[in-house]
C-alpha atoms as a PDB file:
ATOM      1  CA  MET A   1      13.529 -38.352  51.447  1.00  0.00           C
ATOM      2  CA  HIS A   2      12.524 -39.648  55.142  1.00  0.00           C
ATOM      3  CA  GLY A   3      13.970 -42.089  56.718  1.00  0.00           C
ATOM      4  CA  GLY A   4      14.396 -45.339  54.818  1.00  0.00           C
ATOM      5  CA  GLU A   5      12.265 -43.814  52.419  1.00  0.00           C
ATOM      6  CA  TRP A   6      13.739 -44.085  48.657  1.00  0.00           C
ATOM      7  CA  VAL A   7      12.753 -41.323  45.810  1.00  0.00           C
ATOM      8  CA  HIS A   8      12.816 -42.995  42.129  1.00  0.00           C
ATOM      9  CA  THR A   9      13.118 -41.073  39.105  1.00  0.00           C
ATOM     10  CA  SER A  10      12.730 -42.934  36.116  1.00  0.00           C
ATOM     11  CA  ALA A  11      14.599 -40.923  33.461  1.00  0.00           C
ATOM     12  CA  ALA A  12      17.777 -42.035  34.219  1.00  0.00           C
ATOM     13  CA  TYR A  13      16.554 -45.834  33.898  1.00  0.00           C
ATOM     14  CA  VAL A  14      15.319 -45.448  30.380  1.00  0.00           C
ATOM     15  CA  ARG A  15      18.432 -43.508  29.109  1.00  0.00           C
ATOM     16  CA  PRO A  16      21.556 -45.559  27.269  1.00  0.00           C
ATOM     17  CA  ARG A  17      24.844 -45.065  29.362  1.00  0.00           C
ATOM     18  CA  GLY A  18      28.190 -44.146  28.130  1.00  0.00           C
ATOM     19  CA  ARG A  19      31.020 -46.320  27.488  1.00  0.00           C
ATOM     20  CA  GLY A  20      32.468 -47.432  30.917  1.00  0.00           C
ATOM     21  CA  GLN A  21      29.422 -46.465  32.848  1.00  0.00           C
ATOM     22  CA  LYS A  22      27.719 -48.637  35.465  1.00  0.00           C
ATOM     23  CA  ASP A  23      24.362 -49.832  35.515  1.00  0.00           C
ATOM     24  CA  ALA A  24      22.136 -46.500  36.766  1.00  0.00           C
ATOM     25  CA  TRP A  25      20.929 -48.058  39.763  1.00  0.00           C
ATOM     26  CA  THR A  26      24.390 -48.966  40.862  1.00  0.00           C
ATOM     27  CA  GLU A  27      25.761 -45.530  40.122  1.00  0.00           C
ATOM     28  CA  GLU A  28      22.198 -43.469  41.566  1.00  0.00           C
ATOM     29  CA  THR A  29      22.854 -45.320  44.927  1.00  0.00           C
ATOM     30  CA  ALA A  30      26.717 -44.801  45.305  1.00  0.00           C
ATOM     31  CA  ALA A  31      26.144 -41.279  44.239  1.00  0.00           C
ATOM     32  CA  ARG A  32      23.926 -41.137  47.642  1.00  0.00           C
ATOM     33  CA  GLY A  33      26.149 -42.924  49.802  1.00  0.00           C
ATOM     34  CA  ARG A  34      24.741 -46.671  49.581  1.00  0.00           C
ATOM     35  CA  SER A  35      25.023 -49.635  47.907  1.00  0.00           C
ATOM     36  CA  GLY A  36      22.589 -50.483  45.200  1.00  0.00           C
ATOM     37  CA  THR A  37      22.878 -54.220  43.742  1.00  0.00           C
ATOM     38  CA  GLN A  38      20.677 -56.541  41.521  1.00  0.00           C
ATOM     39  CA  ARG A  39      20.526 -60.032  41.064  1.00  0.00           C
ATOM     40  CA  ILE A  40      19.129 -61.615  37.578  1.00  0.00           C
ATOM     41  CA  VAL A  41      17.344 -64.833  38.648  1.00  0.00           C
ATOM     42  CA  GLN A  42      15.966 -65.828  36.094  1.00  0.00           C
ATOM     43  CA  ALA A  43      16.182 -64.958  31.848  1.00  0.00           C
ATOM     44  CA  GLY A  44      14.811 -66.592  28.730  1.00  0.00           C
ATOM     45  CA  GLU A  45      11.954 -67.440  26.837  1.00  0.00           C
ATOM     46  CA  VAL A  46       8.543 -67.126  28.820  1.00  0.00           C
ATOM     47  CA  GLU A  47       4.487 -66.914  27.861  1.00  0.00           C
ATOM     48  CA  ALA A  48       3.861 -62.690  28.119  1.00  0.00           C
ATOM     49  CA  PRO A  49       1.815 -61.931  31.098  1.00  0.00           C
ATOM     50  CA  ALA A  50      -1.815 -60.783  29.856  1.00  0.00           C
ATOM     51  CA  GLU A  51      -0.626 -56.619  30.937  1.00  0.00           C
ATOM     52  CA  VAL A  52       2.863 -57.165  28.984  1.00  0.00           C
ATOM     53  CA  GLY A  53       1.360 -58.691  25.949  1.00  0.00           C
ATOM     54  CA  ASP A  54      -1.034 -56.384  25.630  1.00  0.00           C
ATOM     55  CA  ALA A  55       1.673 -53.465  26.076  1.00  0.00           C
ATOM     56  CA  LEU A  56       3.836 -54.718  23.137  1.00  0.00           C
ATOM     57  CA  GLY A  57       0.832 -55.711  20.883  1.00  0.00           C
ATOM     58  CA  LEU A  58       1.098 -59.451  21.186  1.00  0.00           C
ATOM     59  CA  ASP A  59      -1.491 -62.368  20.730  1.00  0.00           C
ATOM     60  CA  PRO A  60      -2.320 -63.894  23.950  1.00  0.00           C
ATOM     61  CA  GLY A  61       0.294 -66.715  24.753  1.00  0.00           C
ATOM     62  CA  ALA A  62       2.688 -64.981  22.681  1.00  0.00           C
ATOM     63  CA  THR A  63       6.500 -65.552  23.997  1.00  0.00           C
ATOM     64  CA  VAL A  64       9.046 -63.099  24.518  1.00  0.00           C
ATOM     65  CA  ILE A  65      12.203 -62.749  26.056  1.00  0.00           C
ATOM     66  CA  GLY A  66      11.957 -62.096  30.063  1.00  0.00           C
ATOM     67  CA  ARG A  67      14.496 -61.121  32.922  1.00  0.00           C
ATOM     68  CA  ARG A  68      13.550 -61.295  36.231  1.00  0.00           C
ATOM     69  CA  ARG A  69      15.662 -59.178  38.826  1.00  0.00           C
ATOM     70  CA  VAL A  70      15.965 -58.646  42.555  1.00  0.00           C
ATOM     71  CA  ILE A  71      16.935 -55.076  43.368  1.00  0.00           C
ATOM     72  CA  TYR A  72      18.711 -54.527  46.467  1.00  0.00           C
ATOM     73  CA  LEU A  73      19.638 -51.466  47.974  1.00  0.00           C
ATOM     74  CA  ASP A  74      22.360 -51.597  51.217  1.00  0.00           C
ATOM     75  CA  GLY A  75      21.818 -55.576  50.833  1.00  0.00           C
ATOM     76  CA  GLN A  76      18.261 -55.430  51.419  1.00  0.00           C
ATOM     77  CA  ALA A  77      15.778 -56.542  48.602  1.00  0.00           C
ATOM     78  CA  THR A  78      13.848 -53.591  47.638  1.00  0.00           C
ATOM     79  CA  GLU A  79      12.225 -54.076  44.471  1.00  0.00           C
ATOM     80  CA  LEU A  80      11.047 -56.859  42.079  1.00  0.00           C
ATOM     81  CA  THR A  81      11.615 -56.084  38.370  1.00  0.00           C
ATOM     82  CA  ASP A  82      10.459 -58.304  35.608  1.00  0.00           C
ATOM     83  CA  THR A  83      11.459 -56.855  31.963  1.00  0.00           C
ATOM     84  CA  TYR A  84      10.208 -58.401  28.951  1.00  0.00           C
ATOM     85  CA  TYR A  85      11.495 -57.850  25.212  1.00  0.00           C
ATOM     86  CA  PRO A  86       9.854 -59.224  22.002  1.00  0.00           C
ATOM     87  CA  VAL A  87      11.841 -62.356  20.442  1.00  0.00           C
ATOM     88  CA  ASP A  88      12.341 -60.491  17.482  1.00  0.00           C
ATOM     89  CA  ILE A  89      14.708 -58.319  19.447  1.00  0.00           C
ATOM     90  CA  ALA A  90      15.929 -60.293  21.954  1.00  0.00           C
ATOM     91  CA  ARG A  91      16.073 -63.847  21.271  1.00  0.00           C
ATOM     92  CA  GLY A  92      20.310 -64.753  20.935  1.00  0.00           C
ATOM     93  CA  THR A  93      21.064 -61.996  22.824  1.00  0.00           C
ATOM     94  CA  ARG A  94      22.200 -61.143  26.175  1.00  0.00           C
ATOM     95  CA  LEU A  95      19.345 -60.147  27.366  1.00  0.00           C
ATOM     96  CA  ALA A  96      18.330 -63.797  26.785  1.00  0.00           C
ATOM     97  CA  GLU A  97      21.117 -64.704  29.845  1.00  0.00           C
ATOM     98  CA  THR A  98      21.110 -64.158  33.347  1.00  0.00           C
ATOM     99  CA  ALA A  99      24.743 -62.304  33.356  1.00  0.00           C
ATOM    100  CA  LYS A 100      24.643 -58.828  33.709  1.00  0.00           C
ATOM    101  CA  ILE A 101      24.676 -56.406  31.132  1.00  0.00           C
ATOM    102  CA  PRO A 102      27.695 -53.647  30.782  1.00  0.00           C
ATOM    103  CA  GLY A 103      25.735 -50.217  31.307  1.00  0.00           C
ATOM    104  CA  GLY A 104      22.428 -52.129  31.688  1.00  0.00           C
ATOM    105  CA  ALA A 105      19.892 -53.388  29.147  1.00  0.00           C
ATOM    106  CA  VAL A 106      19.070 -50.346  27.484  1.00  0.00           C
ATOM    107  CA  THR A 107      22.838 -49.529  26.227  1.00  0.00           C
ATOM    108  CA  LEU A 108      22.717 -53.007  24.902  1.00  0.00           C
ATOM    109  CA  LEU A 109      18.934 -51.899  23.090  1.00  0.00           C
ATOM    110  CA  ALA A 110      20.848 -48.485  21.790  1.00  0.00           C
ATOM    111  CA  SER A 111      23.396 -50.439  20.356  1.00  0.00           C
ATOM    112  CA  MET A 112      21.091 -52.777  18.419  1.00  0.00           C
ATOM    113  CA  GLY A 113      19.452 -49.594  17.459  1.00  0.00           C
ATOM    114  CA  HIS A 114      16.377 -49.867  19.930  1.00  0.00           C
ATOM    115  CA  VAL A 115      16.553 -45.959  21.428  1.00  0.00           C
ATOM    116  CA  PRO A 116      13.659 -44.883  23.615  1.00  0.00           C
ATOM    117  CA  HIS A 117      11.799 -42.386  22.118  1.00  0.00           C
ATOM    118  CA  LEU A 118       8.469 -42.406  23.701  1.00  0.00           C
ATOM    119  CA  VAL A 119       7.975 -44.086  27.647  1.00  0.00           C
ATOM    120  CA  ARG A 120       4.634 -44.579  29.313  1.00  0.00           C
ATOM    121  CA  GLU A 121       4.275 -45.536  33.239  1.00  0.00           C
ATOM    122  CA  GLU A 122       1.316 -46.352  34.873  1.00  0.00           C
ATOM    123  CA  VAL A 123       1.210 -46.822  38.630  1.00  0.00           C
ATOM    124  CA  HIS A 124      -1.002 -48.379  41.080  1.00  0.00           C
ATOM    125  CA  ALA A 125      -0.887 -49.962  44.602  1.00  0.00           C
ATOM    126  CA  ARG A 126      -2.417 -53.276  45.781  1.00  0.00           C
ATOM    127  CA  MET A 127      -1.280 -56.094  48.208  1.00  0.00           C
ATOM    128  CA  PRO A 128       1.621 -58.266  47.696  1.00  0.00           C
ATOM    129  CA  ASP A 129       1.294 -61.868  46.985  1.00  0.00           C
ATOM    130  CA  THR A 130       2.893 -64.158  48.825  1.00  0.00           C
ATOM    131  CA  ALA A 131       6.156 -64.577  46.918  1.00  0.00           C
ATOM    132  CA  GLU A 132       6.647 -60.980  46.640  1.00  0.00           C
ATOM    133  CA  ARG A 133       5.883 -60.139  50.461  1.00  0.00           C
ATOM    134  CA  ALA A 134       8.520 -62.901  51.383  1.00  0.00           C
ATOM    135  CA  VAL A 135      11.515 -61.793  48.971  1.00  0.00           C
ATOM    136  CA  LEU A 136      10.564 -57.819  50.255  1.00  0.00           C
ATOM    137  CA  ALA A 137      10.577 -58.942  53.727  1.00  0.00           C
ATOM    138  CA  MET A 138       6.775 -57.381  54.292  1.00  0.00           C
ATOM    139  CA  GLY A 139       4.298 -57.540  56.875  1.00  0.00           C
ATOM    140  CA  PRO A 140       1.135 -58.862  56.233  1.00  0.00           C
ATOM    141  CA  ASP A 141      -0.983 -55.617  55.679  1.00  0.00           C
ATOM    142  CA  GLU A 142       1.696 -53.511  53.489  1.00  0.00           C
ATOM    143  CA  PRO A 143       1.060 -52.755  50.404  1.00  0.00           C
ATOM    144  CA  VAL A 144       3.089 -52.580  47.284  1.00  0.00           C
ATOM    145  CA  LEU A 145       3.411 -50.291  44.120  1.00  0.00           C
ATOM    146  CA  HIS A 146       3.222 -51.755  40.858  1.00  0.00           C
ATOM    147  CA  LEU A 147       4.491 -49.843  38.092  1.00  0.00           C
ATOM    148  CA  LEU A 148       4.253 -50.750  34.356  1.00  0.00           C
ATOM    149  CA  ARG A 149       6.931 -48.838  31.946  1.00  0.00           C
ATOM    150  CA  VAL A 150       6.530 -49.382  28.300  1.00  0.00           C
ATOM    151  CA  THR A 151       9.420 -48.103  26.293  1.00  0.00           C
ATOM    152  CA  HIS A 152       8.629 -47.095  22.844  1.00  0.00           C
ATOM    153  CA  GLY A 153      11.152 -46.754  19.470  1.00  0.00           C
ATOM    154  CA  ALA A 154      10.913 -43.934  17.333  1.00  0.00           C
ATOM    155  CA  ASP A 155       8.714 -45.694  14.791  1.00  0.00           C
ATOM    156  CA  SER A 156       6.129 -45.757  18.101  1.00  0.00           C
ATOM    157  CA  GLN A 157       6.579 -49.837  18.496  1.00  0.00           C
ATOM    158  CA  PRO A 158       7.061 -50.905  22.371  1.00  0.00           C
ATOM    159  CA  PHE A 159      10.039 -52.799  22.419  1.00  0.00           C
ATOM    160  CA  GLN A 160      10.669 -53.051  26.213  1.00  0.00           C
ATOM    161  CA  VAL A 161       7.864 -53.616  29.162  1.00  0.00           C
ATOM    162  CA  ASP A 162       8.933 -53.237  32.854  1.00  0.00           C
ATOM    163  CA  VAL A 163       7.155 -54.614  35.936  1.00  0.00           C
ATOM    164  CA  SER A 164       8.282 -53.229  38.717  1.00  0.00           C
ATOM    165  CA  VAL A 165       6.883 -53.633  42.772  1.00  0.00           C
ATOM    166  CA  PHE A 166       8.190 -52.441  45.472  1.00  0.00           C
ATOM    167  CA  PRO A 167       6.923 -51.487  49.420  1.00  0.00           C
ATOM    168  CA  ALA A 168       4.250 -48.655  49.381  1.00  0.00           C
ATOM    169  CA  THR A 169       5.706 -47.300  52.423  1.00  0.00           C
ATOM    170  CA  THR A 170       9.479 -47.098  52.098  1.00  0.00           C
ATOM    171  CA  GLN A 171       8.933 -45.164  47.938  1.00  0.00           C
ATOM    172  CA  ARG A 172       8.316 -42.280  46.634  1.00  0.00           C
ATOM    173  CA  LEU A 173       7.686 -41.668  42.681  1.00  0.00           C
ATOM    174  CA  ARG A 174       9.010 -38.354  41.279  1.00  0.00           C
ATOM    175  CA  TYR A 175       8.384 -37.195  37.702  1.00  0.00           C
ATOM    176  CA  GLU A 176       9.303 -34.348  36.438  1.00  0.00           C
ATOM    177  CA  MET A 177       8.480 -32.674  33.005  1.00  0.00           C
ATOM    178  CA  ARG A 178       9.419 -29.622  30.814  1.00  0.00           C
ATOM    179  CA  VAL A 179       6.634 -27.925  29.239  1.00  0.00           C
ATOM    180  CA  ASN A 180       7.501 -25.537  26.389  1.00  0.00           C
END
């Protein structure tokens, strides 16, 4: 890690947490001597964006439960994440509310029988829109990384889609795989 760069590893963010554990971001940043927080700025029923509807196998214009979060590192906005769930899973649950969920959403989902079995991520660079640039305090020529994460259960059905945006110049993604 160089200077202000943050290295992201995805595995901790898709695993349910143990009883009494904090969310993965809070624990990871504390372990590195930093302060990580998040603010849920919106939650409830929304129309699925096209890439989310496609990932969930929904018809265009379908309704989903969405949670919009601003992720902070040492008090500075460092990431924007929108998470989406099918309404038949999330309607009437804490996923549709703006309050933090003890242990995070993945822990709540696991308690409801939705345990990650397969996770697919796709990342590309792009220029931020005006709102992203403002919240992330970015300059006019700085690109962002756009991450689409789709989480599937043991039945191969997707039950969660995350769309994250973070400054490309301060983030690094790290993936590890075990083969045989």
